[in-house]
Amino acid sequence: MKLEQLRKIREQASENRGRAGGAVRLEIKVSMGTSGIAAGSRSVLQAFLDEIDTRNLTDVSVTQTGERGWASCEPVAEVQELGKEPVFYSCLTVDKVRRIAQEHIVGGTPVADYQINPAG
């Protein structure tokens, strides 16, 4: 993926934050550090943005975060629902993002198959 494509994704994420307009019930943070990008975080970030857009979820925000120190688990995303503990997902793919969108983001049930415990 080229720098211009990354800029386009960043613009989409910014537009997504603006669409949420402060009434955010859920925030998704995709790790975009060096190891995450090398492992495919760009396509994961784009997949989350596409799912949120396709489902017209105006109360969901997608942002980027830096390296988390879990290089062997990348791509990683954090899903934080208002008033709940964050859920961390690892080794993500576009297909896994689709399942997370359906079951967790829309349905409210975290996908245990892809979770990672940040405490180790």
C-alpha atoms as a PDB file:
ATOM      1  CA  MET A   1       0.000   0.000   0.000  1.00  0.00           C
ATOM      2  CA  LYS A   2       1.347   3.367  -0.978  1.00  0.00           C
ATOM      3  CA  LEU A   3       1.522   6.560   1.066  1.00  0.00           C
ATOM      4  CA  GLU A   4      -1.348   8.105  -0.908  1.00  0.00           C
ATOM      5  CA  GLN A   5      -3.579   5.151  -0.009  1.00  0.00           C
ATOM      6  CA  LEU A   6      -2.683   5.580   3.664  1.00  0.00           C
ATOM      7  CA  ARG A   7      -3.615   9.264   3.442  1.00  0.00           C
ATOM      8  CA  LYS A   8      -6.976   8.315   1.958  1.00  0.00           C
ATOM      9  CA  ILE A   9      -7.618   5.879   4.813  1.00  0.00           C
ATOM     10  CA  ARG A  10      -6.659   8.576   7.318  1.00  0.00           C
ATOM     11  CA  GLU A  11      -9.117  10.980   5.680  1.00  0.00           C
ATOM     12  CA  GLN A  12     -11.863   8.351   5.865  1.00  0.00           C
ATOM     13  CA  ALA A  13     -11.136   7.773   9.554  1.00  0.00           C
ATOM     14  CA  SER A  14     -11.321  11.513  10.159  1.00  0.00           C
ATOM     15  CA  GLU A  15     -14.651  11.714   8.326  1.00  0.00           C
ATOM     16  CA  ASN A  16     -15.874   8.765  10.389  1.00  0.00           C
ATOM     17  CA  ARG A  17     -15.041  10.578  13.629  1.00  0.00           C
ATOM     18  CA  GLY A  18     -16.877  13.651  12.379  1.00  0.00           C
ATOM     19  CA  ARG A  19     -19.948  11.612  11.481  1.00  0.00           C
ATOM     20  CA  ALA A  20     -20.144  10.220  15.015  1.00  0.00           C
ATOM     21  CA  GLY A  21     -20.480  13.835  16.148  1.00  0.00           C
ATOM     22  CA  GLY A  22     -19.837  13.241  19.836  1.00  0.00           C
ATOM     23  CA  ALA A  23     -22.533  10.590  20.401  1.00  0.00           C
ATOM     24  CA  VAL A  24     -20.051   7.705  20.311  1.00  0.00           C
ATOM     25  CA  ARG A  25     -21.146   4.464  21.981  1.00  0.00           C
ATOM     26  CA  LEU A  26     -18.220   2.424  20.686  1.00  0.00           C
ATOM     27  CA  GLU A  27     -14.660   3.238  19.612  1.00  0.00           C
ATOM     28  CA  ILE A  28     -12.424   1.006  17.516  1.00  0.00           C
ATOM     29  CA  LYS A  29      -8.668   1.624  17.664  1.00  0.00           C
ATOM     30  CA  VAL A  30      -6.496  -0.132  15.095  1.00  0.00           C
ATOM     31  CA  SER A  31      -2.788  -0.446  15.868  1.00  0.00           C
ATOM     32  CA  MET A  32      -0.859   1.183  13.030  1.00  0.00           C
ATOM     33  CA  GLY A  33       2.699   0.832  14.279  1.00  0.00           C
ATOM     34  CA  THR A  34       5.460  -0.552  12.074  1.00  0.00           C
ATOM     35  CA  SER A  35       4.793  -4.212  12.896  1.00  0.00           C
ATOM     36  CA  GLY A  36       1.047  -3.721  12.508  1.00  0.00           C
ATOM     37  CA  ILE A  37       1.412  -2.138   9.099  1.00  0.00           C
ATOM     38  CA  ALA A  38       3.791  -4.910   8.025  1.00  0.00           C
ATOM     39  CA  ALA A  39       1.230  -7.503   9.171  1.00  0.00           C
ATOM     40  CA  GLY A  40      -1.699  -5.916   7.318  1.00  0.00           C
ATOM     41  CA  SER A  41      -3.208  -3.304   9.634  1.00  0.00           C
ATOM     42  CA  ARG A  42      -3.981  -0.993   6.723  1.00  0.00           C
ATOM     43  CA  SER A  43      -6.450  -3.451   5.200  1.00  0.00           C
ATOM     44  CA  VAL A  44      -7.899  -4.133   8.670  1.00  0.00           C
ATOM     45  CA  LEU A  45      -8.412  -0.407   9.283  1.00  0.00           C
ATOM     46  CA  GLN A  46     -10.028  -0.043   5.859  1.00  0.00           C
ATOM     47  CA  ALA A  47     -12.281  -3.046   6.548  1.00  0.00           C
ATOM     48  CA  PHE A  48     -13.509  -1.512   9.820  1.00  0.00           C
ATOM     49  CA  LEU A  49     -14.192   1.795   8.050  1.00  0.00           C
ATOM     50  CA  ASP A  50     -16.055  -0.016   5.262  1.00  0.00           C
ATOM     51  CA  GLU A  51     -18.161  -2.047   7.709  1.00  0.00           C
ATOM     52  CA  ILE A  52     -19.081   1.037   9.736  1.00  0.00           C
ATOM     53  CA  ASP A  53     -19.965   2.937   6.567  1.00  0.00           C
ATOM     54  CA  THR A  54     -21.931   0.076   4.969  1.00  0.00           C
ATOM     55  CA  ARG A  55     -23.952  -0.429   8.148  1.00  0.00           C
ATOM     56  CA  ASN A  56     -24.367   3.350   8.615  1.00  0.00           C
ATOM     57  CA  LEU A  57     -23.204   3.139  12.235  1.00  0.00           C
ATOM     58  CA  THR A  58     -23.020   6.826  13.113  1.00  0.00           C
ATOM     59  CA  ASP A  59     -22.354   6.121  16.799  1.00  0.00           C
ATOM     60  CA  VAL A  60     -19.120   4.190  16.154  1.00  0.00           C
ATOM     61  CA  SER A  61     -15.703   5.826  15.810  1.00  0.00           C
ATOM     62  CA  VAL A  62     -12.659   4.263  14.117  1.00  0.00           C
ATOM     63  CA  THR A  63      -9.219   5.651  14.967  1.00  0.00           C
ATOM     64  CA  GLN A  64      -5.566   4.697  14.638  1.00  0.00           C
ATOM     65  CA  THR A  65      -3.172   4.067  17.480  1.00  0.00           C
ATOM     66  CA  GLY A  66       0.547   3.377  17.639  1.00  0.00           C
ATOM     67  CA  GLU A  67       2.536   0.277  18.430  1.00  0.00           C
ATOM     68  CA  ARG A  68       1.215  -1.787  21.353  1.00  0.00           C
ATOM     69  CA  GLY A  69       4.201  -4.082  21.716  1.00  0.00           C
ATOM     70  CA  TRP A  70       2.394  -7.189  20.481  1.00  0.00           C
ATOM     71  CA  ALA A  71       4.267  -7.673  17.206  1.00  0.00           C
ATOM     72  CA  SER A  72       3.547 -11.410  17.035  1.00  0.00           C
ATOM     73  CA  CYS A  73      -0.199 -10.728  17.375  1.00  0.00           C
ATOM     74  CA  GLU A  74      -0.599  -7.999  14.746  1.00  0.00           C
ATOM     75  CA  PRO A  75      -2.844  -6.738  13.274  1.00  0.00           C
ATOM     76  CA  VAL A  76      -4.476  -5.748  16.590  1.00  0.00           C
ATOM     77  CA  ALA A  77      -7.606  -3.712  17.284  1.00  0.00           C
ATOM     78  CA  GLU A  78      -9.234  -2.512  20.490  1.00  0.00           C
ATOM     79  CA  VAL A  79     -13.019  -2.277  20.685  1.00  0.00           C
ATOM     80  CA  GLN A  80     -14.171  -0.061  23.554  1.00  0.00           C
ATOM     81  CA  GLU A  81     -17.882   0.153  24.295  1.00  0.00           C
ATOM     82  CA  LEU A  82     -19.101   2.956  26.506  1.00  0.00           C
ATOM     83  CA  GLY A  83     -19.105   1.762  30.121  1.00  0.00           C
ATOM     84  CA  LYS A  84     -17.429  -1.596  29.403  1.00  0.00           C
ATOM     85  CA  GLU A  85     -13.908  -2.991  29.529  1.00  0.00           C
ATOM     86  CA  PRO A  86     -12.065  -2.843  26.195  1.00  0.00           C
ATOM     87  CA  VAL A  87     -11.833  -5.978  24.086  1.00  0.00           C
ATOM     88  CA  PHE A  88      -8.581  -6.599  22.212  1.00  0.00           C
ATOM     89  CA  TYR A  89      -8.570  -8.618  18.996  1.00  0.00           C
ATOM     90  CA  SER A  90      -5.419 -10.062  17.421  1.00  0.00           C
ATOM     91  CA  CYS A  91      -4.196 -11.583  14.155  1.00  0.00           C
ATOM     92  CA  LEU A  92      -6.982  -9.792  12.319  1.00  0.00           C
ATOM     93  CA  THR A  93      -7.979 -10.202   8.696  1.00  0.00           C
ATOM     94  CA  VAL A  94     -10.699  -8.574   6.622  1.00  0.00           C
ATOM     95  CA  ASP A  95     -12.942 -11.625   7.148  1.00  0.00           C
ATOM     96  CA  LYS A  96     -12.411 -11.478  10.912  1.00  0.00           C
ATOM     97  CA  VAL A  97     -13.310  -7.779  10.888  1.00  0.00           C
ATOM     98  CA  ARG A  98     -16.596  -8.620   9.146  1.00  0.00           C
ATOM     99  CA  ARG A  99     -17.438 -11.135  11.860  1.00  0.00           C
ATOM    100  CA  ILE A 100     -16.474  -8.680  14.636  1.00  0.00           C
ATOM    101  CA  ALA A 101     -18.664  -6.034  12.992  1.00  0.00           C
ATOM    102  CA  GLN A 102     -21.662  -8.364  12.861  1.00  0.00           C
ATOM    103  CA  GLU A 103     -21.349 -10.074  16.238  1.00  0.00           C
ATOM    104  CA  HIS A 104     -19.699  -7.477  18.482  1.00  0.00           C
ATOM    105  CA  ILE A 105     -20.224  -4.019  17.026  1.00  0.00           C
ATOM    106  CA  VAL A 106     -23.819  -4.628  15.891  1.00  0.00           C
ATOM    107  CA  GLY A 107     -24.815  -7.593  18.067  1.00  0.00           C
ATOM    108  CA  GLY A 108     -23.029  -6.632  21.280  1.00  0.00           C
ATOM    109  CA  THR A 109     -21.326 -10.011  21.794  1.00  0.00           C
ATOM    110  CA  PRO A 110     -17.499 -10.024  21.663  1.00  0.00           C
ATOM    111  CA  VAL A 111     -15.946 -12.682  19.419  1.00  0.00           C
ATOM    112  CA  ALA A 112     -13.965 -14.863  21.822  1.00  0.00           C
ATOM    113  CA  ASP A 113     -12.123 -16.681  18.996  1.00  0.00           C
ATOM    114  CA  TYR A 114     -10.047 -13.596  18.131  1.00  0.00           C
ATOM    115  CA  GLN A 115      -9.512 -12.032  21.553  1.00  0.00           C
ATOM    116  CA  ILE A 116      -6.157 -11.452  23.199  1.00  0.00           C
ATOM    117  CA  ASN A 117      -5.585 -10.757  26.878  1.00  0.00           C
ATOM    118  CA  PRO A 118      -3.415  -7.634  27.202  1.00  0.00           C
ATOM    119  CA  ALA A 119      -2.201  -8.807  30.618  1.00  0.00           C
ATOM    120  CA  GLY A 120      -0.585 -11.812  28.997  1.00  0.00           C
END
